[in-house]
Structure formats: C-alpha cells, structure tokens
Amino acid sequence: MRFLTYVIFFISFVAYSQDSAYEKEIEAFRKTRIDSLKHENGWLNLAGLFWLKEGENTIGSDPQNDFVFPVEHSDSFLGKVILEKGIVTFKSKEANQVFSSGHPVKEIIAFDDKKALIFAHKSLRWFIIKRGNQYALRLRDLAGEYVRNFKGINYFPINASWRINAKFVPVHGKKLHVTDMTGRTYLEDSPGDLYFTIKGRKYRLEAGGTRDEFFIVFGDLTNKKTTYGGGRFLYANSPDKHGNVILDFNKSLNPPCVFTPFATCPLPTKKNKLSLEVEAGEQSIGFLNDK
C-alpha cells in the first residue's frame, strides 16, 4: 500500500513539475514579447504611415507639408523625400536637423534595392518601406502616445492542452493569396500545410514563412469577441525528420494593428479561419482595436 502511495505521489509530483516548467516557459515568452513591443524597433511607437507620390514629398510639423509629423516632436520643415523610379532620396532642409547612423544628413539615398536607411530627429525615427509597387514612409515616435499609454496585454489562462502536435505536409510551389488591412492583395510563398486534431475534429492551416520557421495567420471563433477581429499570428519551429511540428496556441500573438493604426497587417486566408474557439494566447480587450 505504501509503495502504491509513493508511486501516485511521484507521478503527481512529476506532472506538477512539468506544468510548472511549462508555465514558466510561457511567462518568459510573454515577457520577451512585451520587451519587443517597447523596443525602439517595436510596434508601440509607430506614429505614421505616409504613402509616397512620385516626385517630391515634404515632411515636418507644419500643416503645409505633404506629410505632417507630430508638432511637439518635430521642427516645421525637415526636408523632402523624393521618389524617382524606385529610388528614394532624402534632402534635408538643414544638415543638422536630421541624422542617420549618428551623422547629420544633407542629401542621401534613403531606399533602393540594396538599403533602407533610418533617419532620426528628436524622438522621431523614420524609414522607407515597399509594399507591392508602392512606397511609404513609416514614422516612429519613441515618446508617442501609444508608448506612453501602453498598459500591458490581456491573456487567456495558460493551458497546456493548446500545445498541439501537427503534421507538416510540404507543397511545392504553393502560393498564398493574402489580403492585408489596406485591402491590398498579394501572393506569398508557402512551404506547405499543417494538419492537426482537436477534440476529435481535424483541422488544417496554411503555413507562411519558410521551412526553418513557419509564420501562420489564423482566425477562429473568438475573433470580434475576446480576440482581435483580424485574427492572430503564430510562429512554429521547423518540422522534425518525421514532419512533426508543435503548434503552441498559448503563444498566439495579436497582430501589430491591435497596437497601432499605422501597421499594414495580413489577414487570415479563407482556409486559415478555424471553426472553433482558440481560447489561448493574447486577447484584444483593452487595446487600441478590440473589434
């Protein structure tokens, strides 16, 4: 009898230790996530997204500029962003107003096929991005309102049952038809599909990213209720030699559009809208967008 009691105690202790270790793993993951949001390259400090027209685009806090920067953190006229046949040049109004890599800028190529420079002025940072055939200036404000007002993230309770075993099936030449928040649609390479079972029902997700790290945009029946209406993100490691992959929905992330109106987030493909409630990972309540 004593031996049986010892065995039961030992099994319970091991199970408790495993649960405790897993909870610590998720808590560490969440801390890293918060740190990344608050980082200079994080999403919280986005303060503007301005689409360039061909030719000159003026920037600064004065309303006469094509792109108006925050008045409390910008001089009136900072210079011109010039788009000419896929090459973006920046011309500063005053060489000591704007810096790149710590050096004052007078005139420099800001974006081409080889580089995209980061510019600094007071608490502002900006750089050029390309989306399809369009170019935009993405502005950060390290002292912006979303940084100042950030109160943290709401989560579902940690539940190890949402750590799902999936089988990866590669699909050669597969393309995803992705639509983003702006309504723009584009093709994205896909390494293949992930198949898994939850409570006896079979599901499939189309993977983005590469074979080294999958990037998945998925929707589920919690969207517009307890999670963001545009779905959530999930990353997964590459499959083992048998094609096995762990999908840990406790690590489901809100897209950047939850934290800032200046992001261009991809939406789930039609096949990635799951017909179940994934009550795991990040919730949207209390954020900028919880619709």
C-alpha atoms as a PDB file:
ATOM      1  CA  MET A   1       0.000   0.000   0.000  1.00  0.00           C
ATOM      2  CA  ARG A   2       2.840   2.335   0.899  1.00  0.00           C
ATOM      3  CA  PHE A   3       4.530   1.561  -2.399  1.00  0.00           C
ATOM      4  CA  LEU A   4       1.342   2.417  -4.353  1.00  0.00           C
ATOM      5  CA  THR A   5       1.002   5.663  -2.416  1.00  0.00           C
ATOM      6  CA  TYR A   6       4.619   6.522  -3.235  1.00  0.00           C
ATOM      7  CA  VAL A   7       4.071   5.824  -6.943  1.00  0.00           C
ATOM      8  CA  ILE A   8       0.962   8.043  -7.037  1.00  0.00           C
ATOM      9  CA  PHE A   9       2.825  10.811  -5.225  1.00  0.00           C
ATOM     10  CA  PHE A  10       5.781  10.538  -7.588  1.00  0.00           C
ATOM     11  CA  ILE A  11       3.578  10.676 -10.704  1.00  0.00           C
ATOM     12  CA  SER A  12       1.716  13.703  -9.310  1.00  0.00           C
ATOM     13  CA  PHE A  13       4.987  15.431  -8.479  1.00  0.00           C
ATOM     14  CA  VAL A  14       6.363  14.877 -11.990  1.00  0.00           C
ATOM     15  CA  ALA A  15       3.143  16.158 -13.574  1.00  0.00           C
ATOM     16  CA  TYR A  16       3.196  19.238 -11.331  1.00  0.00           C
ATOM     17  CA  SER A  17       6.852  19.896 -12.176  1.00  0.00           C
ATOM     18  CA  GLN A  18       6.118  19.648 -15.896  1.00  0.00           C
ATOM     19  CA  ASP A  19       3.142  22.018 -15.606  1.00  0.00           C
ATOM     20  CA  SER A  20       5.199  24.467 -13.565  1.00  0.00           C
ATOM     21  CA  ALA A  21       8.068  24.381 -16.091  1.00  0.00           C
ATOM     22  CA  TYR A  22       5.641  24.965 -18.956  1.00  0.00           C
ATOM     23  CA  GLU A  23       4.015  27.903 -17.180  1.00  0.00           C
ATOM     24  CA  LYS A  24       7.439  29.447 -16.622  1.00  0.00           C
ATOM     25  CA  GLU A  25       8.222  28.969 -20.334  1.00  0.00           C
ATOM     26  CA  ILE A  26       5.047  30.816 -21.353  1.00  0.00           C
ATOM     27  CA  GLU A  27       5.628  33.574 -18.790  1.00  0.00           C
ATOM     28  CA  ALA A  28       9.165  34.085 -20.142  1.00  0.00           C
ATOM     29  CA  PHE A  29       7.754  34.156 -23.682  1.00  0.00           C
ATOM     30  CA  ARG A  30       5.266  36.849 -22.653  1.00  0.00           C
ATOM     31  CA  LYS A  31       7.962  38.971 -21.022  1.00  0.00           C
ATOM     32  CA  THR A  32      10.082  38.812 -24.185  1.00  0.00           C
ATOM     33  CA  ARG A  33       7.018  39.799 -26.183  1.00  0.00           C
ATOM     34  CA  ILE A  34       6.370  42.890 -24.015  1.00  0.00           C
ATOM     35  CA  ASP A  35      10.033  43.885 -24.232  1.00  0.00           C
ATOM     36  CA  SER A  36       9.929  43.618 -28.035  1.00  0.00           C
ATOM     37  CA  LEU A  37       6.820  45.823 -28.235  1.00  0.00           C
ATOM     38  CA  LYS A  38       8.524  48.512 -26.123  1.00  0.00           C
ATOM     39  CA  HIS A  39      11.806  48.309 -28.044  1.00  0.00           C
ATOM     40  CA  GLU A  40      12.877  51.094 -30.406  1.00  0.00           C
ATOM     41  CA  ASN A  41      12.036  48.732 -33.276  1.00  0.00           C
ATOM     42  CA  GLY A  42       8.761  47.622 -31.678  1.00  0.00           C
ATOM     43  CA  TRP A  43       5.217  48.302 -32.810  1.00  0.00           C
ATOM     44  CA  LEU A  44       4.081  50.610 -29.995  1.00  0.00           C
ATOM     45  CA  ASN A  45       6.000  53.647 -31.243  1.00  0.00           C
ATOM     46  CA  LEU A  46       4.582  53.713 -34.772  1.00  0.00           C
ATOM     47  CA  ALA A  47       3.265  57.224 -35.343  1.00  0.00           C
ATOM     48  CA  GLY A  48       2.549  57.483 -39.062  1.00  0.00           C
ATOM     49  CA  LEU A  49       2.405  55.708 -42.406  1.00  0.00           C
ATOM     50  CA  PHE A  50       2.657  58.025 -45.412  1.00  0.00           C
ATOM     51  CA  TRP A  51       2.412  56.743 -48.988  1.00  0.00           C
ATOM     52  CA  LEU A  52       4.853  58.451 -51.343  1.00  0.00           C
ATOM     53  CA  LYS A  53       3.828  60.017 -54.602  1.00  0.00           C
ATOM     54  CA  GLU A  54       6.287  60.134 -57.489  1.00  0.00           C
ATOM     55  CA  GLY A  55       8.439  63.238 -57.129  1.00  0.00           C
ATOM     56  CA  GLU A  56       8.801  65.415 -54.044  1.00  0.00           C
ATOM     57  CA  ASN A  57       7.115  64.768 -50.683  1.00  0.00           C
ATOM     58  CA  THR A  58       7.804  67.350 -47.957  1.00  0.00           C
ATOM     59  CA  ILE A  59       7.959  66.428 -44.262  1.00  0.00           C
ATOM     60  CA  GLY A  60       7.768  68.316 -40.948  1.00  0.00           C
ATOM     61  CA  SER A  61       5.272  69.521 -38.359  1.00  0.00           C
ATOM     62  CA  ASP A  62       3.894  72.430 -40.392  1.00  0.00           C
ATOM     63  CA  PRO A  63       0.459  71.596 -41.911  1.00  0.00           C
ATOM     64  CA  GLN A  64       1.693  72.812 -45.309  1.00  0.00           C
ATOM     65  CA  ASN A  65       3.913  69.717 -45.600  1.00  0.00           C
ATOM     66  CA  ASP A  66       2.770  66.710 -47.604  1.00  0.00           C
ATOM     67  CA  PHE A  67       3.473  64.519 -44.561  1.00  0.00           C
ATOM     68  CA  VAL A  68       2.745  66.190 -41.220  1.00  0.00           C
ATOM     69  CA  PHE A  69       4.841  64.966 -38.267  1.00  0.00           C
ATOM     70  CA  PRO A  70       3.879  65.367 -34.562  1.00  0.00           C
ATOM     71  CA  VAL A  71       4.195  69.055 -33.766  1.00  0.00           C
ATOM     72  CA  GLU A  72       5.614  68.527 -30.264  1.00  0.00           C
ATOM     73  CA  HIS A  73       8.477  66.381 -31.579  1.00  0.00           C
ATOM     74  CA  SER A  74       9.360  67.894 -34.942  1.00  0.00           C
ATOM     75  CA  ASP A  75      10.624  71.127 -36.450  1.00  0.00           C
ATOM     76  CA  SER A  76       8.378  72.800 -39.012  1.00  0.00           C
ATOM     77  CA  PHE A  77      10.193  71.834 -42.228  1.00  0.00           C
ATOM     78  CA  LEU A  78      12.646  68.939 -42.219  1.00  0.00           C
ATOM     79  CA  GLY A  79      13.184  68.410 -45.922  1.00  0.00           C
ATOM     80  CA  LYS A  80      11.999  66.452 -48.953  1.00  0.00           C
ATOM     81  CA  VAL A  81      11.553  62.738 -49.649  1.00  0.00           C
ATOM     82  CA  ILE A  82      11.905  62.278 -53.401  1.00  0.00           C
ATOM     83  CA  LEU A  83      10.693  59.170 -55.218  1.00  0.00           C
ATOM     84  CA  GLU A  84      12.090  58.667 -58.719  1.00  0.00           C
ATOM     85  CA  LYS A  85      11.599  55.328 -60.482  1.00  0.00           C
ATOM     86  CA  GLY A  86      12.001  53.159 -57.406  1.00  0.00           C
ATOM     87  CA  ILE A  87      14.816  55.135 -55.778  1.00  0.00           C
ATOM     88  CA  VAL A  88      14.034  57.294 -52.753  1.00  0.00           C
ATOM     89  CA  THR A  89      16.283  60.234 -51.863  1.00  0.00           C
ATOM     90  CA  PHE A  90      16.097  62.433 -48.792  1.00  0.00           C
ATOM     91  CA  LYS A  91      17.167  66.094 -48.914  1.00  0.00           C
ATOM     92  CA  SER A  92      17.390  67.834 -45.529  1.00  0.00           C
ATOM     93  CA  LYS A  93      16.429  71.486 -45.143  1.00  0.00           C
ATOM     94  CA  GLU A  94      19.190  71.944 -42.580  1.00  0.00           C
ATOM     95  CA  ALA A  95      22.080  69.484 -42.318  1.00  0.00           C
ATOM     96  CA  ASN A  96      21.994  69.442 -38.509  1.00  0.00           C
ATOM     97  CA  GLN A  97      18.241  68.707 -38.141  1.00  0.00           C
ATOM     98  CA  VAL A  98      18.156  65.103 -39.345  1.00  0.00           C
ATOM     99  CA  PHE A  99      20.642  62.336 -38.604  1.00  0.00           C
ATOM    100  CA  SER A 100      21.329  58.861 -39.992  1.00  0.00           C
ATOM    101  CA  SER A 101      23.723  56.481 -38.199  1.00  0.00           C
ATOM    102  CA  GLY A 102      24.635  59.390 -35.933  1.00  0.00           C
ATOM    103  CA  HIS A 103      25.716  61.690 -38.759  1.00  0.00           C
ATOM    104  CA  PRO A 104      23.911  64.813 -39.975  1.00  0.00           C
ATOM    105  CA  VAL A 105      22.211  64.350 -43.325  1.00  0.00           C
ATOM    106  CA  LYS A 106      22.166  66.816 -46.197  1.00  0.00           C
ATOM    107  CA  GLU A 107      21.287  64.636 -49.188  1.00  0.00           C
ATOM    108  CA  ILE A 108      21.379  60.844 -49.354  1.00  0.00           C
ATOM    109  CA  ILE A 109      19.701  57.831 -50.981  1.00  0.00           C
ATOM    110  CA  ALA A 110      17.185  56.640 -48.395  1.00  0.00           C
ATOM    111  CA  PHE A 111      15.927  53.499 -50.125  1.00  0.00           C
ATOM    112  CA  ASP A 112      16.825  51.337 -53.100  1.00  0.00           C
ATOM    113  CA  ASP A 113      17.187  47.611 -53.766  1.00  0.00           C
ATOM    114  CA  LYS A 114      20.264  47.442 -51.529  1.00  0.00           C
ATOM    115  CA  LYS A 115      19.468  49.525 -48.449  1.00  0.00           C
ATOM    116  CA  ALA A 116      16.848  51.335 -46.380  1.00  0.00           C
ATOM    117  CA  LEU A 117      18.291  53.962 -44.055  1.00  0.00           C
ATOM    118  CA  ILE A 118      16.835  55.001 -40.702  1.00  0.00           C
ATOM    119  CA  PHE A 119      16.568  58.745 -40.050  1.00  0.00           C
ATOM    120  CA  ALA A 120      16.369  60.472 -36.661  1.00  0.00           C
ATOM    121  CA  HIS A 121      15.092  63.856 -35.491  1.00  0.00           C
ATOM    122  CA  LYS A 122      14.466  64.433 -31.779  1.00  0.00           C
ATOM    123  CA  SER A 123      12.294  61.481 -30.635  1.00  0.00           C
ATOM    124  CA  LEU A 124      11.264  60.641 -34.217  1.00  0.00           C
ATOM    125  CA  ARG A 125      12.631  57.847 -36.407  1.00  0.00           C
ATOM    126  CA  TRP A 126      11.576  57.041 -39.951  1.00  0.00           C
ATOM    127  CA  PHE A 127      12.447  54.824 -42.906  1.00  0.00           C
ATOM    128  CA  ILE A 128      11.014  53.779 -46.249  1.00  0.00           C
ATOM    129  CA  ILE A 129       9.115  50.542 -46.855  1.00  0.00           C
ATOM    130  CA  LYS A 130       7.874  48.958 -50.069  1.00  0.00           C
ATOM    131  CA  ARG A 131       4.514  47.195 -50.325  1.00  0.00           C
ATOM    132  CA  GLY A 132       3.849  45.737 -53.740  1.00  0.00           C
ATOM    133  CA  ASN A 133       4.672  48.523 -56.174  1.00  0.00           C
ATOM    134  CA  GLN A 134       4.061  51.285 -53.635  1.00  0.00           C
ATOM    135  CA  TYR A 135       6.474  53.058 -51.304  1.00  0.00           C
ATOM    136  CA  ALA A 136       5.693  54.532 -47.911  1.00  0.00           C
ATOM    137  CA  LEU A 137       7.428  56.425 -45.131  1.00  0.00           C
ATOM    138  CA  ARG A 138       6.964  54.655 -41.807  1.00  0.00           C
ATOM    139  CA  LEU A 139       7.322  57.019 -38.841  1.00  0.00           C
ATOM    140  CA  ARG A 140       8.181  56.091 -35.251  1.00  0.00           C
ATOM    141  CA  ASP A 141       7.909  58.337 -32.193  1.00  0.00           C
ATOM    142  CA  LEU A 142       9.832  56.955 -29.224  1.00  0.00           C
ATOM    143  CA  ALA A 143       7.812  59.300 -26.985  1.00  0.00           C
ATOM    144  CA  GLY A 144       4.495  58.736 -28.779  1.00  0.00           C
ATOM    145  CA  GLU A 145       1.051  58.283 -27.254  1.00  0.00           C
ATOM    146  CA  TYR A 146       0.854  54.504 -27.741  1.00  0.00           C
ATOM    147  CA  VAL A 147       4.176  54.041 -25.925  1.00  0.00           C
ATOM    148  CA  ARG A 148       3.035  56.282 -23.067  1.00  0.00           C
ATOM    149  CA  ASN A 149      -0.419  54.725 -22.762  1.00  0.00           C
ATOM    150  CA  PHE A 150       0.520  51.049 -23.052  1.00  0.00           C
ATOM    151  CA  LYS A 151      -0.864  49.126 -20.056  1.00  0.00           C
ATOM    152  CA  GLY A 152       0.122  45.580 -20.984  1.00  0.00           C
ATOM    153  CA  ILE A 153      -1.597  42.620 -22.623  1.00  0.00           C
ATOM    154  CA  ASN A 154      -4.582  40.505 -21.596  1.00  0.00           C
ATOM    155  CA  TYR A 155      -4.265  36.736 -21.971  1.00  0.00           C
ATOM    156  CA  PHE A 156      -6.285  33.568 -21.809  1.00  0.00           C
ATOM    157  CA  PRO A 157      -5.204  31.307 -18.923  1.00  0.00           C
ATOM    158  CA  ILE A 158      -2.205  29.129 -19.728  1.00  0.00           C
ATOM    159  CA  ASN A 159      -3.491  25.723 -20.809  1.00  0.00           C
ATOM    160  CA  ALA A 160      -1.044  23.045 -21.963  1.00  0.00           C
ATOM    161  CA  SER A 161      -3.803  21.276 -23.934  1.00  0.00           C
ATOM    162  CA  TRP A 162      -3.454  24.060 -26.536  1.00  0.00           C
ATOM    163  CA  ARG A 163       0.090  22.854 -27.264  1.00  0.00           C
ATOM    164  CA  ILE A 164      -0.879  20.793 -30.299  1.00  0.00           C
ATOM    165  CA  ASN A 165       1.030  18.189 -32.286  1.00  0.00           C
ATOM    166  CA  ALA A 166       0.676  18.800 -36.029  1.00  0.00           C
ATOM    167  CA  LYS A 167       1.902  17.081 -39.162  1.00  0.00           C
ATOM    168  CA  PHE A 168       3.571  19.184 -41.837  1.00  0.00           C
ATOM    169  CA  VAL A 169       2.915  18.289 -45.480  1.00  0.00           C
ATOM    170  CA  PRO A 170       5.132  20.229 -47.912  1.00  0.00           C
ATOM    171  CA  VAL A 171       3.510  21.588 -51.072  1.00  0.00           C
ATOM    172  CA  HIS A 172       5.976  22.525 -53.801  1.00  0.00           C
ATOM    173  CA  GLY A 173       5.307  25.889 -55.447  1.00  0.00           C
ATOM    174  CA  LYS A 174       2.382  26.724 -53.149  1.00  0.00           C
ATOM    175  CA  LYS A 175       1.311  30.387 -53.056  1.00  0.00           C
ATOM    176  CA  LEU A 176      -0.962  32.103 -50.559  1.00  0.00           C
ATOM    177  CA  HIS A 177      -3.375  34.808 -51.723  1.00  0.00           C
ATOM    178  CA  VAL A 178      -3.004  37.269 -48.845  1.00  0.00           C
ATOM    179  CA  THR A 179      -5.114  40.379 -48.246  1.00  0.00           C
ATOM    180  CA  ASP A 180      -3.942  42.996 -45.757  1.00  0.00           C
ATOM    181  CA  MET A 181      -5.756  45.633 -43.712  1.00  0.00           C
ATOM    182  CA  THR A 182      -5.471  48.187 -46.512  1.00  0.00           C
ATOM    183  CA  GLY A 183      -7.327  45.869 -48.910  1.00  0.00           C
ATOM    184  CA  ARG A 184      -4.201  45.164 -50.932  1.00  0.00           C
ATOM    185  CA  THR A 185      -3.873  41.549 -52.116  1.00  0.00           C
ATOM    186  CA  TYR A 186      -0.597  39.850 -52.934  1.00  0.00           C
ATOM    187  CA  LEU A 187       0.960  36.413 -53.357  1.00  0.00           C
ATOM    188  CA  GLU A 188       3.196  34.933 -50.675  1.00  0.00           C
ATOM    189  CA  ASP A 189       5.282  31.764 -50.837  1.00  0.00           C
ATOM    190  CA  SER A 190       4.060  28.915 -48.651  1.00  0.00           C
ATOM    191  CA  PRO A 191       6.144  25.875 -47.664  1.00  0.00           C
ATOM    192  CA  GLY A 192       3.022  23.742 -47.183  1.00  0.00           C
ATOM    193  CA  ASP A 193       0.167  22.807 -44.848  1.00  0.00           C
ATOM    194  CA  LEU A 194      -0.150  21.792 -41.193  1.00  0.00           C
ATOM    195  CA  TYR A 195      -2.684  19.127 -40.189  1.00  0.00           C
ATOM    196  CA  PHE A 196      -3.822  18.543 -36.593  1.00  0.00           C
ATOM    197  CA  THR A 197      -6.708  17.259 -34.478  1.00  0.00           C
ATOM    198  CA  ILE A 198      -8.506  18.969 -31.590  1.00  0.00           C
ATOM    199  CA  LYS A 199     -11.201  17.103 -29.619  1.00  0.00           C
ATOM    200  CA  GLY A 200     -11.580  14.549 -32.385  1.00  0.00           C
ATOM    201  CA  ARG A 201     -12.005  17.096 -35.195  1.00  0.00           C
ATOM    202  CA  LYS A 202      -9.429  17.550 -37.939  1.00  0.00           C
ATOM    203  CA  TYR A 203      -8.113  20.970 -38.980  1.00  0.00           C
ATOM    204  CA  ARG A 204      -5.631  22.421 -41.428  1.00  0.00           C
ATOM    205  CA  LEU A 205      -3.605  25.624 -41.530  1.00  0.00           C
ATOM    206  CA  GLU A 206      -1.697  27.048 -44.470  1.00  0.00           C
ATOM    207  CA  ALA A 207       1.815  27.984 -43.395  1.00  0.00           C
ATOM    208  CA  GLY A 208       3.687  31.081 -44.433  1.00  0.00           C
ATOM    209  CA  GLY A 209       7.335  31.761 -43.738  1.00  0.00           C
ATOM    210  CA  THR A 210       9.946  29.145 -44.583  1.00  0.00           C
ATOM    211  CA  ARG A 211      10.787  25.547 -43.703  1.00  0.00           C
ATOM    212  CA  ASP A 212      13.075  26.950 -40.972  1.00  0.00           C
ATOM    213  CA  GLU A 213      10.276  28.872 -39.222  1.00  0.00           C
ATOM    214  CA  PHE A 214       6.587  28.826 -40.052  1.00  0.00           C
ATOM    215  CA  PHE A 215       4.548  32.023 -39.824  1.00  0.00           C
ATOM    216  CA  ILE A 216       0.815  31.437 -39.558  1.00  0.00           C
ATOM    217  CA  VAL A 217      -2.006  33.976 -39.695  1.00  0.00           C
ATOM    218  CA  PHE A 218      -5.164  32.339 -38.389  1.00  0.00           C
ATOM    219  CA  GLY A 219      -8.690  33.266 -37.428  1.00  0.00           C
ATOM    220  CA  ASP A 220     -11.084  31.475 -35.092  1.00  0.00           C
ATOM    221  CA  LEU A 221     -14.498  31.846 -33.469  1.00  0.00           C
ATOM    222  CA  THR A 222     -13.165  34.087 -30.665  1.00  0.00           C
ATOM    223  CA  ASN A 223     -12.446  36.858 -33.203  1.00  0.00           C
ATOM    224  CA  LYS A 224     -14.503  40.021 -32.601  1.00  0.00           C
ATOM    225  CA  LYS A 225     -15.416  38.609 -29.182  1.00  0.00           C
ATOM    226  CA  THR A 226     -12.402  38.126 -26.944  1.00  0.00           C
ATOM    227  CA  THR A 227      -9.745  38.388 -29.652  1.00  0.00           C
ATOM    228  CA  TYR A 228      -8.990  40.798 -32.470  1.00  0.00           C
ATOM    229  CA  GLY A 229     -11.349  40.608 -35.448  1.00  0.00           C
ATOM    230  CA  GLY A 230      -8.485  40.381 -37.930  1.00  0.00           C
ATOM    231  CA  GLY A 231      -7.118  37.149 -36.487  1.00  0.00           C
ATOM    232  CA  ARG A 232      -3.834  36.399 -34.740  1.00  0.00           C
ATOM    233  CA  PHE A 233      -0.280  35.336 -35.547  1.00  0.00           C
ATOM    234  CA  LEU A 234       1.533  32.141 -34.602  1.00  0.00           C
ATOM    235  CA  TYR A 235       5.133  31.080 -35.177  1.00  0.00           C
ATOM    236  CA  ALA A 236       6.294  27.469 -35.189  1.00  0.00           C
ATOM    237  CA  ASN A 237       9.673  25.790 -35.486  1.00  0.00           C
ATOM    238  CA  SER A 238      10.673  23.674 -38.463  1.00  0.00           C
ATOM    239  CA  PRO A 239       9.408  20.064 -38.570  1.00  0.00           C
ATOM    240  CA  ASP A 240      11.447  17.128 -37.319  1.00  0.00           C
ATOM    241  CA  LYS A 241      12.522  14.343 -39.680  1.00  0.00           C
ATOM    242  CA  HIS A 242       9.055  12.793 -39.423  1.00  0.00           C
ATOM    243  CA  GLY A 243       7.269  16.042 -40.288  1.00  0.00           C
ATOM    244  CA  ASN A 244       6.055  16.673 -36.741  1.00  0.00           C
ATOM    245  CA  VAL A 245       5.503  20.289 -35.649  1.00  0.00           C
ATOM    246  CA  ILE A 246       4.362  21.794 -32.339  1.00  0.00           C
ATOM    247  CA  LEU A 247       1.647  24.453 -32.645  1.00  0.00           C
ATOM    248  CA  ASP A 248       1.562  26.199 -29.283  1.00  0.00           C
ATOM    249  CA  PHE A 249      -1.552  28.367 -29.345  1.00  0.00           C
ATOM    250  CA  ASN A 250      -0.620  29.735 -25.910  1.00  0.00           C
ATOM    251  CA  LYS A 251       1.919  31.728 -27.935  1.00  0.00           C
ATOM    252  CA  SER A 252      -0.714  33.218 -30.265  1.00  0.00           C
ATOM    253  CA  LEU A 253       0.020  36.899 -30.846  1.00  0.00           C
ATOM    254  CA  ASN A 254      -2.074  39.920 -31.673  1.00  0.00           C
ATOM    255  CA  PRO A 255      -1.068  41.483 -34.990  1.00  0.00           C
ATOM    256  CA  PRO A 256       0.548  44.946 -34.916  1.00  0.00           C
ATOM    257  CA  CYS A 257      -2.763  46.535 -35.945  1.00  0.00           C
ATOM    258  CA  VAL A 258      -4.012  45.938 -32.399  1.00  0.00           C
ATOM    259  CA  PHE A 259      -1.347  48.270 -31.028  1.00  0.00           C
ATOM    260  CA  THR A 260      -1.171  50.969 -33.708  1.00  0.00           C
ATOM    261  CA  PRO A 261      -3.313  52.268 -36.590  1.00  0.00           C
ATOM    262  CA  PHE A 262      -0.170  52.652 -38.718  1.00  0.00           C
ATOM    263  CA  ALA A 263       0.556  48.973 -39.436  1.00  0.00           C
ATOM    264  CA  THR A 264      -0.450  47.013 -42.558  1.00  0.00           C
ATOM    265  CA  CYS A 265      -1.349  43.600 -41.172  1.00  0.00           C
ATOM    266  CA  PRO A 266      -2.108  40.482 -43.230  1.00  0.00           C
ATOM    267  CA  LEU A 267      -5.476  38.833 -42.694  1.00  0.00           C
ATOM    268  CA  PRO A 268      -6.071  35.065 -42.481  1.00  0.00           C
ATOM    269  CA  THR A 269      -6.628  33.262 -45.761  1.00  0.00           C
ATOM    270  CA  LYS A 270     -10.052  31.650 -46.194  1.00  0.00           C
ATOM    271  CA  LYS A 271      -8.591  28.228 -45.316  1.00  0.00           C
ATOM    272  CA  ASN A 272      -6.999  29.591 -42.149  1.00  0.00           C
ATOM    273  CA  LYS A 273     -10.265  30.572 -40.468  1.00  0.00           C
ATOM    274  CA  LEU A 274     -10.748  27.787 -37.938  1.00  0.00           C
ATOM    275  CA  SER A 275     -14.270  26.734 -36.982  1.00  0.00           C
ATOM    276  CA  LEU A 276     -13.502  26.517 -33.265  1.00  0.00           C
ATOM    277  CA  GLU A 277     -12.730  28.846 -30.366  1.00  0.00           C
ATOM    278  CA  VAL A 278      -8.989  29.034 -29.708  1.00  0.00           C
ATOM    279  CA  GLU A 279      -9.085  30.244 -26.114  1.00  0.00           C
ATOM    280  CA  ALA A 280      -5.338  30.566 -25.755  1.00  0.00           C
ATOM    281  CA  GLY A 281      -2.717  33.268 -26.160  1.00  0.00           C
ATOM    282  CA  GLU A 282      -3.297  37.003 -26.380  1.00  0.00           C
ATOM    283  CA  GLN A 283      -6.695  38.674 -26.124  1.00  0.00           C
ATOM    284  CA  SER A 284      -7.668  42.016 -27.627  1.00  0.00           C
ATOM    285  CA  ILE A 285      -9.637  43.530 -24.732  1.00  0.00           C
ATOM    286  CA  GLY A 286      -8.157  46.782 -23.513  1.00  0.00           C
ATOM    287  CA  PHE A 287      -6.217  47.549 -26.689  1.00  0.00           C
ATOM    288  CA  LEU A 288      -6.458  50.194 -29.370  1.00  0.00           C
ATOM    289  CA  ASN A 289      -8.581  47.869 -31.531  1.00  0.00           C
ATOM    290  CA  ASP A 290     -10.812  45.240 -29.926  1.00  0.00           C
ATOM    291  CA  LYS A 291     -13.371  44.982 -32.669  1.00  0.00           C
END
